[in-house]
Amino acid sequence: MFQHVVILPILLPLLAGALMVIPAVSRNMVLQRRLGTVASVLAVVLAVWLLVLVDHNGTQAYAVGEWKPPFGILLVADRLATLLLLLTSVLLLAVQLFASAGEDERGRFFQPLLMFQVMGIQGAFLTGDIFNLFVFFEVLLIASYALLIHGGGKAKTAASLHYVILNLAGSALFLFALGILYGTFGTLNMADMQANAALIQNDDLYLAKVGALLLLVVFGLKAAMLPLHFWLPKAYAAAPAPVAALFAIMTKIGIYSLWRVHSAIFGEHAGALANVALPWLWPMAWLTLALGVVAVLASQSLRALAANLVIVSVGSLLLMVANPAQSTTAAGLYYLVHSTLATALIFLIAGLIMGQRGKSEDRFVRGRPLAHPRLLGGLFFIAALALIGMPPFSGFIGKALMLSAALDEGVAGWIWPPLLLSSLAALLVLSRAGSSIFWRSRGRAVPVTIDTRQLAGIGVLLVALVLMVVLAGWLTAFTDRAAADLLAGMQLVLPEGR
């Protein structure tokens, strides 16, 4: 059993989703919800188990069907992958609980699509082969297309069209890059590519650089890096609240891929290919964060603000990727977990607010009073402080770690100004959002009941953010070890097999 634990985070949502599309289950929403909740809880337990196992025993490699690379599919669970598996599982539990209050009834197959998308996300984090990274990208994207348009509407249809077209273009570029890299390296296994990167010479060297830069474009599109970011605000703002909350981790898959490919395979030990993407990453990271700050200041609704804060978090993380040192990578990992949880939380809170303000929804205009102003005001206040980076919340720790790492690496002049300005912009616009939504009202509130499952989903994210502070010492030490593993590359001991 223990030798198969690495594949379980992929099999669990796959089996749960497959069961949900069986006619006897697909017609019974109550049964789907219960199955989804059980699968989500098991996913969290499994992720915690795998994280502890890897932290104590080192990286775990799993050759599917006992076929070793380059013939088989290799899954690799290291500290970085297991941390993101746990983050995804927590998000899944929060979103599944929140959606079970009624959002999943607005369209067919919401619950199984949720499982299939998480299967793709988990697979992307676990794969040790770039081709299988492409495969899992496609799995999660196919599910996300349907989830984005869940419930229908012109805004969702338009946003989904742009989202689909851009991602199809990105998939085509991904295939071109894979073909070029396979022709030069002779393999797409990440460990083999890292071992052979310094040996690439002559004409193959130029082809390898082209392939690496094409992957930078592909991963930049997935991460919403400037100038490939323009699909994100409309898509996230139009998506249903629980879908947007799950999408908070989608851009982080692009960041993860940049770390895994450009900081490890094309890192310091890649010879003539070393840091091939850095001359492009630095200006794009800075401009992404700067544009994100401008977009935050121009936001007109809470969902649009949350979407633009995702771009700000992407720009902040790209600055860490552009400086591939252990301290900056570790700080970026902590901030990645925090920013994903905090933006997912604000999306769910926006969903509750929309249900109580009538036609004003979550826009920063005078509207109908909220039926539960104290509860929603308290939740919004906590989420706002976390997003701004105020102590004692995890956002403060994440920002402090990044500022300290930048100072240690001698790049504080490049990193401190945009990071501090982004916090100031978030403070200003979140203050404006709070005053508009909670204080500027007209008419009478309409009684609205908040389902306990919605509060449970929000509670999962709140508990996770609190644990990031309570366990900050252990978590920062863990991210430091994860960063060291990442920069050292995949040192694999494969099980016996074919």
Protein backbone atom coordinates (compact mmCIF):
# COMPACT_ATOMS: atom_id res chain seq x y z
CA MET A 1 0.00 0.00 0.00
CA PHE A 2 2.73 2.47 0.96
CA GLN A 3 4.49 2.15 -2.40
CA HIS A 4 1.29 3.24 -4.17
CA VAL A 5 0.54 6.28 -2.00
CA VAL A 6 2.06 8.69 -4.55
CA ILE A 7 -0.62 7.95 -7.16
CA LEU A 8 -3.55 8.13 -4.74
CA PRO A 9 -4.00 11.95 -4.95
CA ILE A 10 -4.75 11.44 -8.66
CA LEU A 11 -6.84 8.28 -8.34
CA LEU A 12 -9.06 9.59 -5.53
CA PRO A 13 -10.68 12.52 -7.44
CA LEU A 14 -10.71 10.44 -10.63
CA LEU A 15 -12.72 7.65 -8.99
CA ALA A 16 -14.99 10.09 -7.16
CA GLY A 17 -15.72 11.99 -10.38
CA ALA A 18 -16.34 8.75 -12.30
CA LEU A 19 -18.80 7.55 -9.66
CA MET A 20 -20.66 10.87 -9.84
CA VAL A 21 -21.43 10.50 -13.56
CA ILE A 22 -23.04 7.08 -13.11
CA PRO A 23 -26.76 7.68 -13.82
CA ALA A 24 -27.94 6.47 -10.40
CA VAL A 25 -25.62 8.99 -8.71
CA SER A 26 -25.79 11.85 -11.23
CA ARG A 27 -29.57 12.11 -10.70
CA ASN A 28 -29.17 12.32 -6.91
CA MET A 29 -27.64 15.65 -5.90
CA VAL A 30 -27.61 14.76 -2.20
CA LEU A 31 -25.58 11.65 -2.91
CA GLN A 32 -23.19 13.59 -5.15
CA ARG A 33 -22.62 16.15 -2.42
CA ARG A 34 -21.94 13.53 0.22
CA LEU A 35 -19.56 11.67 -2.04
CA GLY A 36 -17.81 14.95 -2.90
CA THR A 37 -17.42 15.91 0.75
CA VAL A 38 -16.05 12.48 1.68
CA ALA A 39 -13.60 12.59 -1.24
CA SER A 40 -12.50 16.12 -0.31
CA VAL A 41 -11.86 15.21 3.33
CA LEU A 42 -9.95 12.09 2.27
CA ALA A 43 -7.89 14.23 -0.13
CA VAL A 44 -6.82 16.50 2.74
CA VAL A 45 -5.94 13.52 4.96
CA LEU A 46 -4.03 11.86 2.12
CA ALA A 47 -2.12 15.07 1.33
CA VAL A 48 -1.10 15.51 4.98
CA TRP A 49 0.02 11.88 5.14
CA LEU A 50 2.08 12.18 1.94
CA LEU A 51 3.64 15.47 3.06
CA VAL A 52 4.78 13.98 6.38
CA LEU A 53 6.04 10.86 4.61
CA VAL A 54 8.11 12.84 2.13
CA ASP A 55 9.43 15.24 4.77
CA HIS A 56 10.71 12.34 6.87
CA ASN A 57 11.80 9.88 4.16
CA GLY A 58 12.71 12.12 1.24
CA THR A 59 11.41 12.28 -2.33
CA GLN A 60 9.16 9.40 -3.39
CA ALA A 61 9.18 8.26 -7.03
CA TYR A 62 6.48 6.07 -8.53
CA ALA A 63 6.73 4.40 -11.94
CA VAL A 64 3.18 3.71 -13.14
CA GLY A 65 2.84 0.04 -14.14
CA GLU A 66 6.48 -0.42 -13.04
CA TRP A 67 7.62 0.91 -16.40
CA LYS A 68 10.71 3.03 -15.81
CA PRO A 69 11.43 6.18 -17.81
CA PRO A 70 11.69 6.88 -20.67
CA PHE A 71 9.01 4.26 -21.45
CA GLY A 72 6.71 4.76 -18.47
CA ILE A 73 4.92 7.52 -16.62
CA LEU A 74 6.89 8.75 -13.62
CA LEU A 75 5.27 10.49 -10.67
CA VAL A 76 7.47 12.34 -8.20
CA ALA A 77 6.38 13.48 -4.76
CA ASP A 78 8.90 15.85 -3.21
CA ARG A 79 8.38 18.55 -0.59
CA LEU A 80 7.30 21.17 -3.14
CA ALA A 81 4.76 18.88 -4.80
CA THR A 82 3.26 17.64 -1.52
CA LEU A 83 2.90 21.17 -0.16
CA LEU A 84 0.89 22.16 -3.23
CA LEU A 85 -1.11 18.93 -3.07
CA LEU A 86 -2.19 19.89 0.45
CA LEU A 87 -3.04 23.42 -0.68
CA THR A 88 -5.18 22.06 -3.54
CA SER A 89 -6.96 19.61 -1.24
CA VAL A 90 -7.82 22.35 1.27
CA LEU A 91 -9.19 24.50 -1.55
CA LEU A 92 -11.22 21.58 -2.87
CA LEU A 93 -12.80 20.97 0.54
CA ALA A 94 -13.69 24.65 0.99
CA VAL A 95 -15.11 25.01 -2.51
CA GLN A 96 -17.03 21.74 -2.41
CA LEU A 97 -18.70 22.63 0.89
CA PHE A 98 -19.57 26.15 -0.29
CA ALA A 99 -20.98 24.95 -3.62
CA SER A 100 -23.06 22.25 -1.93
CA ALA A 101 -25.33 24.99 -0.55
CA GLY A 102 -26.97 25.30 -3.95
CA GLU A 103 -24.44 26.63 -6.48
CA ASP A 104 -23.95 23.11 -7.85
CA GLU A 105 -27.63 22.97 -8.86
CA ARG A 106 -27.33 25.81 -11.40
CA GLY A 107 -25.82 23.50 -14.00
CA ARG A 108 -25.19 19.83 -14.64
CA PHE A 109 -22.16 17.86 -13.49
CA PHE A 110 -20.66 20.56 -11.26
CA GLN A 111 -19.47 18.10 -8.62
CA PRO A 112 -17.75 15.64 -11.01
CA LEU A 113 -16.17 18.51 -12.95
CA LEU A 114 -14.74 19.78 -9.68
CA MET A 115 -13.15 16.39 -9.08
CA PHE A 116 -11.78 16.08 -12.61
CA GLN A 117 -10.20 19.52 -12.45
CA VAL A 118 -8.54 18.72 -9.12
CA MET A 119 -7.29 15.45 -10.62
CA GLY A 120 -5.57 17.46 -13.35
CA ILE A 121 -4.10 19.91 -10.85
CA GLN A 122 -2.80 17.14 -8.59
CA GLY A 123 -1.32 15.34 -11.58
CA ALA A 124 0.46 18.50 -12.77
CA PHE A 125 2.12 18.84 -9.36
CA LEU A 126 3.13 15.17 -9.19
CA THR A 127 4.38 14.44 -12.69
CA GLY A 128 8.10 14.01 -13.26
CA ASP A 129 7.82 14.32 -17.05
CA ILE A 130 7.12 17.49 -19.05
CA PHE A 131 4.94 15.67 -21.58
CA ASN A 132 2.70 14.39 -18.81
CA LEU A 133 2.65 17.94 -17.43
CA PHE A 134 1.07 18.89 -20.76
CA VAL A 135 -1.44 16.01 -20.43
CA PHE A 136 -2.52 17.04 -16.96
CA PHE A 137 -2.73 20.67 -18.08
CA GLU A 138 -5.24 19.60 -20.71
CA VAL A 139 -7.25 17.57 -18.20
CA LEU A 140 -7.63 20.47 -15.78
CA LEU A 141 -8.30 22.95 -18.60
CA ILE A 142 -11.11 20.86 -20.12
CA ALA A 143 -12.84 20.74 -16.74
CA SER A 144 -12.21 24.45 -16.15
CA TYR A 145 -13.89 25.36 -19.48
CA ALA A 146 -17.14 23.82 -18.28
CA LEU A 147 -16.85 25.17 -14.74
CA LEU A 148 -16.25 28.72 -15.97
CA ILE A 149 -19.51 28.77 -17.91
CA HIS A 150 -21.44 27.00 -15.12
CA GLY A 151 -24.83 28.66 -14.67
CA GLY A 152 -24.77 30.38 -18.09
CA GLY A 153 -24.97 34.08 -18.95
CA LYS A 154 -23.46 36.46 -21.52
CA ALA A 155 -20.55 37.56 -19.32
CA LYS A 156 -19.54 33.96 -18.58
CA THR A 157 -19.85 32.96 -22.23
CA ALA A 158 -17.67 35.86 -23.43
CA ALA A 159 -15.05 35.27 -20.72
CA SER A 160 -15.06 31.53 -21.44
CA LEU A 161 -14.54 32.12 -25.18
CA HIS A 162 -11.42 34.24 -24.58
CA TYR A 163 -10.18 31.78 -21.97
CA VAL A 164 -10.61 28.77 -24.27
CA ILE A 165 -9.01 30.40 -27.33
CA LEU A 166 -5.95 31.60 -25.44
CA ASN A 167 -5.42 28.28 -23.69
CA LEU A 168 -5.78 26.36 -26.96
CA ALA A 169 -3.07 28.61 -28.42
CA GLY A 170 -0.96 27.96 -25.34
CA SER A 171 -1.45 24.20 -25.74
CA ALA A 172 -0.25 24.39 -29.35
CA LEU A 173 2.89 26.27 -28.31
CA PHE A 174 3.41 23.73 -25.53
CA LEU A 175 3.45 20.89 -28.09
CA PHE A 176 5.92 22.77 -30.30
CA ALA A 177 8.21 23.30 -27.31
CA LEU A 178 7.98 19.63 -26.32
CA GLY A 179 8.91 18.52 -29.83
CA ILE A 180 11.94 20.81 -29.91
CA LEU A 181 13.14 19.76 -26.45
CA TYR A 182 12.64 16.06 -27.14
CA GLY A 183 14.67 16.42 -30.33
CA THR A 184 17.56 18.03 -28.45
CA PHE A 185 17.49 16.17 -25.12
CA GLY A 186 16.20 12.80 -26.31
CA THR A 187 13.90 12.69 -23.28
CA LEU A 188 11.25 14.75 -21.52
CA ASN A 189 11.88 13.27 -18.08
CA MET A 190 12.72 16.20 -15.80
CA ALA A 191 15.51 14.44 -13.89
CA ASP A 192 17.18 13.28 -17.12
CA MET A 193 16.82 16.72 -18.69
CA GLN A 194 18.47 18.37 -15.71
CA ALA A 195 21.34 15.87 -15.80
CA ASN A 196 21.91 16.41 -19.54
CA ALA A 197 21.27 20.15 -19.85
CA ALA A 198 24.95 21.08 -19.44
CA LEU A 199 25.90 18.60 -22.19
CA ILE A 200 23.86 20.24 -24.96
CA GLN A 201 26.17 21.79 -27.55
CA ASN A 202 26.39 23.30 -31.04
CA ASP A 203 23.15 23.60 -33.03
CA ASP A 204 21.20 21.70 -30.39
CA LEU A 205 22.02 24.50 -27.97
CA TYR A 206 20.06 27.07 -29.98
CA LEU A 207 17.13 24.70 -30.39
CA ALA A 208 17.11 24.00 -26.65
CA LYS A 209 17.04 27.75 -25.94
CA VAL A 210 14.09 28.15 -28.31
CA GLY A 211 12.26 25.31 -26.58
CA ALA A 212 12.98 26.76 -23.14
CA LEU A 213 11.73 30.21 -24.14
CA LEU A 214 8.60 28.73 -25.71
CA LEU A 215 7.90 27.07 -22.36
CA LEU A 216 8.39 30.46 -20.71
CA VAL A 217 5.61 31.82 -22.96
CA VAL A 218 3.34 28.85 -22.20
CA PHE A 219 3.86 28.98 -18.44
CA GLY A 220 3.64 32.77 -18.52
CA LEU A 221 0.21 32.44 -20.16
CA LYS A 222 -0.92 29.97 -17.49
CA ALA A 223 0.42 32.22 -14.73
CA ALA A 224 -1.07 35.41 -16.24
CA MET A 225 2.31 37.09 -16.69
CA LEU A 226 2.36 40.39 -18.59
CA PRO A 227 1.50 40.71 -21.49
CA LEU A 228 -0.36 37.38 -21.37
CA HIS A 229 -2.53 38.30 -18.41
CA PHE A 230 -5.54 39.97 -20.04
CA TRP A 231 -7.69 36.82 -20.01
CA LEU A 232 -7.71 36.58 -16.22
CA PRO A 233 -9.71 39.54 -14.82
CA LYS A 234 -12.83 38.94 -16.91
CA ALA A 235 -12.69 35.16 -16.52
CA TYR A 236 -12.30 35.23 -12.73
CA ALA A 237 -14.80 38.06 -12.21
CA ALA A 238 -17.44 36.28 -14.33
CA ALA A 239 -16.99 32.85 -12.78
CA PRO A 240 -19.28 31.62 -9.97
CA ALA A 241 -17.80 32.32 -6.53
CA PRO A 242 -16.71 28.74 -5.70
CA VAL A 243 -15.25 28.27 -9.19
CA ALA A 244 -13.26 31.51 -8.92
CA ALA A 245 -12.04 30.39 -5.49
CA LEU A 246 -10.70 27.14 -6.97
CA PHE A 247 -9.23 29.07 -9.90
CA ALA A 248 -7.08 30.94 -7.36
CA ILE A 249 -4.60 28.08 -7.66
CA MET A 250 -4.65 27.94 -11.47
CA THR A 251 -2.11 30.72 -11.98
CA LYS A 252 0.07 29.09 -9.32
CA ILE A 253 0.40 26.04 -11.56
CA GLY A 254 2.15 28.28 -14.06
CA ILE A 255 4.42 29.62 -11.31
CA TYR A 256 5.13 26.05 -10.15
CA SER A 257 6.03 25.04 -13.72
CA LEU A 258 8.41 27.97 -14.05
CA TRP A 259 10.13 26.92 -10.84
CA ARG A 260 10.23 23.26 -11.84
CA VAL A 261 11.53 23.85 -15.36
CA HIS A 262 13.46 27.13 -15.39
CA SER A 263 14.87 27.11 -11.85
CA ALA A 264 15.75 23.40 -11.86
CA ILE A 265 16.28 22.07 -15.40
CA PHE A 266 17.59 25.37 -16.80
CA GLY A 267 19.06 26.55 -13.49
CA GLU A 268 22.59 27.28 -12.34
CA HIS A 269 23.98 23.88 -13.39
CA ALA A 270 22.68 23.89 -16.97
CA GLY A 271 25.91 25.06 -18.57
CA ALA A 272 25.28 27.32 -21.58
CA LEU A 273 21.53 26.99 -20.92
CA ALA A 274 21.80 28.28 -17.35
CA ASN A 275 19.17 30.89 -16.43
CA VAL A 276 18.15 31.28 -20.07
CA ALA A 277 14.80 32.82 -19.05
CA LEU A 278 16.06 35.31 -16.45
CA PRO A 279 16.67 38.24 -18.83
CA TRP A 280 12.97 38.03 -19.75
CA LEU A 281 11.60 37.15 -16.33
CA TRP A 282 12.93 40.19 -14.48
CA PRO A 283 11.21 42.92 -16.53
CA MET A 284 8.04 40.86 -17.03
CA ALA A 285 7.76 40.18 -13.30
CA TRP A 286 8.21 43.84 -12.41
CA LEU A 287 5.75 45.03 -15.05
CA THR A 288 3.19 42.37 -14.12
CA LEU A 289 3.21 43.56 -10.52
CA ALA A 290 3.10 47.22 -11.55
CA LEU A 291 0.17 46.65 -13.89
CA GLY A 292 -1.57 44.58 -11.22
CA VAL A 293 -1.32 47.53 -8.83
CA VAL A 294 -2.89 49.86 -11.42
CA ALA A 295 -5.67 47.33 -12.07
CA VAL A 296 -6.33 46.99 -8.34
CA LEU A 297 -6.75 50.76 -8.04
CA ALA A 298 -9.19 50.74 -10.96
CA SER A 299 -11.34 47.85 -9.68
CA GLN A 300 -15.08 48.52 -9.55
CA SER A 301 -16.33 45.34 -7.86
CA LEU A 302 -15.13 42.94 -5.20
CA ARG A 303 -14.75 40.07 -7.67
CA ALA A 304 -12.75 42.26 -10.07
CA LEU A 305 -10.61 43.40 -7.15
CA ALA A 306 -9.95 39.82 -6.11
CA ALA A 307 -9.05 38.91 -9.71
CA ASN A 308 -6.61 41.82 -9.93
CA LEU A 309 -5.11 40.83 -6.58
CA VAL A 310 -4.39 37.46 -8.16
CA ILE A 311 -2.32 39.31 -10.79
CA VAL A 312 -0.52 41.19 -8.00
CA SER A 313 0.31 37.89 -6.30
CA VAL A 314 1.55 36.50 -9.62
CA GLY A 315 3.85 39.50 -10.11
CA SER A 316 5.18 39.14 -6.56
CA LEU A 317 5.90 35.44 -7.10
CA LEU A 318 7.52 36.07 -10.48
CA LEU A 319 9.99 38.37 -8.74
CA MET A 320 10.95 35.43 -6.55
CA VAL A 321 11.21 33.10 -9.56
CA ALA A 322 13.40 35.66 -11.35
CA ASN A 323 15.90 35.49 -8.49
CA PRO A 324 16.42 31.71 -8.08
CA ALA A 325 18.10 31.60 -4.69
CA GLN A 326 17.06 29.33 -1.85
CA SER A 327 15.88 32.19 0.39
CA THR A 328 13.75 33.87 -2.30
CA THR A 329 12.27 30.54 -3.43
CA ALA A 330 11.37 29.58 0.14
CA ALA A 331 9.78 32.99 0.76
CA GLY A 332 7.87 32.69 -2.52
CA LEU A 333 6.51 29.27 -1.54
CA TYR A 334 5.13 30.57 1.75
CA TYR A 335 3.57 33.56 0.00
CA LEU A 336 2.13 31.32 -2.72
CA VAL A 337 0.19 29.29 -0.16
CA HIS A 338 -1.01 32.42 1.67
CA SER A 339 -2.08 34.35 -1.44
CA THR A 340 -4.00 31.37 -2.84
CA LEU A 341 -5.96 30.86 0.38
CA ALA A 342 -6.60 34.59 0.93
CA THR A 343 -7.85 35.30 -2.61
CA ALA A 344 -10.03 32.18 -2.54
CA LEU A 345 -11.50 33.46 0.74
CA ILE A 346 -12.36 36.88 -0.71
CA PHE A 347 -14.04 35.22 -3.73
CA LEU A 348 -16.28 33.16 -1.43
CA ILE A 349 -17.12 36.22 0.69
CA ALA A 350 -17.99 38.09 -2.52
CA GLY A 351 -20.37 35.26 -3.37
CA LEU A 352 -22.22 35.75 -0.07
CA ILE A 353 -22.34 39.52 -0.53
CA MET A 354 -23.76 39.21 -4.05
CA GLY A 355 -26.65 37.16 -2.74
CA GLN A 356 -27.71 39.94 -0.33
CA ARG A 357 -27.27 43.22 -2.27
CA GLY A 358 -29.71 42.62 -5.11
CA LYS A 359 -28.83 44.28 -8.43
CA SER A 360 -25.86 46.09 -6.88
CA GLU A 361 -24.22 42.69 -6.32
CA ASP A 362 -20.60 43.25 -5.21
CA ARG A 363 -20.02 46.55 -7.04
CA PHE A 364 -18.64 49.53 -5.13
CA VAL A 365 -21.88 51.51 -5.35
CA ARG A 366 -24.72 52.39 -3.01
CA GLY A 367 -27.00 49.37 -2.77
CA ARG A 368 -29.36 47.39 -0.62
CA PRO A 369 -28.18 46.81 2.97
CA LEU A 370 -26.77 43.42 3.80
CA ALA A 371 -28.93 41.03 5.78
CA HIS A 372 -25.91 39.93 7.85
CA PRO A 373 -23.65 43.00 8.01
CA ARG A 374 -21.76 42.01 11.18
CA LEU A 375 -20.93 38.49 10.05
CA LEU A 376 -19.94 39.45 6.52
CA GLY A 377 -18.20 42.60 7.74
CA GLY A 378 -16.09 40.58 10.16
CA LEU A 379 -15.18 38.03 7.49
CA PHE A 380 -14.33 40.77 5.01
CA PHE A 381 -12.19 42.59 7.59
CA ILE A 382 -10.14 39.46 8.30
CA ALA A 383 -9.70 38.68 4.60
CA ALA A 384 -8.72 42.28 3.85
CA LEU A 385 -6.06 42.35 6.57
CA ALA A 386 -4.67 39.06 5.30
CA LEU A 387 -4.52 40.31 1.70
CA ILE A 388 -2.94 43.64 2.65
CA GLY A 389 -0.25 41.89 4.68
CA MET A 390 -1.00 43.31 8.12
CA PRO A 391 0.25 41.56 11.27
CA PRO A 392 -0.45 39.10 12.76
CA PHE A 393 -1.83 37.47 9.62
CA SER A 394 0.08 35.17 7.26
CA GLY A 395 0.23 37.87 4.58
CA PHE A 396 2.53 39.90 6.81
CA ILE A 397 4.81 36.90 7.30
CA GLY A 398 4.89 36.19 3.57
CA LYS A 399 5.69 39.78 2.63
CA ALA A 400 8.31 40.04 5.38
CA LEU A 401 9.99 36.85 4.16
CA MET A 402 10.14 38.14 0.58
CA LEU A 403 11.48 41.53 1.64
CA SER A 404 14.12 39.89 3.85
CA ALA A 405 15.14 37.48 1.08
CA ALA A 406 15.44 40.34 -1.40
CA LEU A 407 17.67 42.22 1.04
CA ASP A 408 19.85 39.14 1.57
CA GLU A 409 20.26 38.62 -2.17
CA GLY A 410 21.08 42.28 -2.84
CA VAL A 411 18.01 42.98 -5.00
CA ALA A 412 15.98 45.00 -2.50
CA GLY A 413 16.06 48.06 -4.76
CA TRP A 414 14.16 46.14 -7.43
CA ILE A 415 11.77 44.19 -5.21
CA TRP A 416 10.91 46.36 -2.22
CA PRO A 417 9.19 49.28 -4.07
CA PRO A 418 6.64 47.22 -6.05
CA LEU A 419 5.90 44.90 -3.11
CA LEU A 420 5.29 47.79 -0.71
CA LEU A 421 3.25 49.74 -3.27
CA SER A 422 1.08 46.70 -3.91
CA SER A 423 0.26 46.50 -0.20
CA LEU A 424 -0.59 50.20 -0.15
CA ALA A 425 -2.85 49.83 -3.21
CA ALA A 426 -4.61 46.85 -1.62
CA LEU A 427 -5.13 48.85 1.59
CA LEU A 428 -6.67 51.78 -0.28
CA VAL A 429 -9.02 49.77 -2.50
CA LEU A 430 -10.09 47.28 0.15
CA SER A 431 -10.90 50.23 2.43
CA ARG A 432 -12.97 51.72 -0.35
CA ALA A 433 -14.66 48.36 -0.98
CA GLY A 434 -15.55 47.93 2.68
CA SER A 435 -16.96 51.43 3.06
CA SER A 436 -19.02 51.14 -0.15
CA ILE A 437 -20.45 47.70 0.51
CA PHE A 438 -21.08 47.90 4.26
CA TRP A 439 -21.71 51.60 4.96
CA ARG A 440 -23.23 53.09 1.80
CA SER A 441 -26.70 51.62 1.54
CA ARG A 442 -30.26 52.56 0.75
CA GLY A 443 -33.60 50.90 1.29
CA ARG A 444 -34.20 47.95 3.56
CA ALA A 445 -32.40 44.68 3.83
CA VAL A 446 -34.14 41.58 2.49
CA PRO A 447 -33.95 38.58 4.85
CA VAL A 448 -31.48 36.03 3.46
CA THR A 449 -30.38 32.81 5.09
CA ILE A 450 -26.71 31.86 4.91
CA ASP A 451 -26.34 28.12 4.56
CA THR A 452 -24.11 26.47 7.16
CA ARG A 453 -22.22 24.71 4.36
CA GLN A 454 -21.20 28.09 2.94
CA LEU A 455 -19.88 29.13 6.34
CA ALA A 456 -18.14 25.76 6.66
CA GLY A 457 -16.33 26.33 3.34
CA ILE A 458 -15.23 29.79 4.43
CA GLY A 459 -14.26 28.36 7.82
CA VAL A 460 -11.91 25.86 6.17
CA LEU A 461 -9.96 28.71 4.55
CA LEU A 462 -9.94 30.77 7.75
CA VAL A 463 -8.58 27.83 9.74
CA ALA A 464 -5.91 27.24 7.10
CA LEU A 465 -4.81 30.91 7.26
CA VAL A 466 -4.70 30.77 11.07
CA LEU A 467 -2.63 27.57 10.96
CA MET A 468 -0.16 29.30 8.64
CA VAL A 469 0.52 31.75 11.49
CA VAL A 470 0.42 29.23 14.33
CA LEU A 471 2.72 26.83 12.46
CA ALA A 472 4.78 29.56 10.81
CA GLY A 473 8.05 28.30 12.29
CA TRP A 474 7.59 24.77 11.00
CA LEU A 475 6.15 25.93 7.67
CA THR A 476 9.00 28.33 6.90
CA ALA A 477 11.52 25.61 7.74
CA PHE A 478 9.61 23.23 5.46
CA THR A 479 9.52 25.71 2.57
CA ASP A 480 13.25 26.25 3.03
CA ARG A 481 13.84 22.51 2.67
CA ALA A 482 11.46 22.42 -0.31
CA ALA A 483 13.38 25.25 -1.98
CA ALA A 484 16.67 23.43 -1.43
CA ASP A 485 15.21 20.28 -2.99
CA LEU A 486 13.88 22.22 -5.98
CA LEU A 487 17.15 23.95 -6.77
CA ALA A 488 19.10 20.71 -6.28
CA GLY A 489 16.83 18.96 -8.77
CA MET A 490 15.15 15.57 -8.78
CA GLN A 491 17.49 13.05 -7.16
CA LEU A 492 15.43 9.93 -7.81
CA VAL A 493 15.74 6.36 -6.63
CA LEU A 494 13.35 4.43 -8.85
CA PRO A 495 11.59 1.28 -7.67
CA GLU A 496 12.41 -2.02 -9.34
CA GLY A 497 10.51 -2.47 -12.57
CA ARG A 498 10.68 -3.02 -16.30
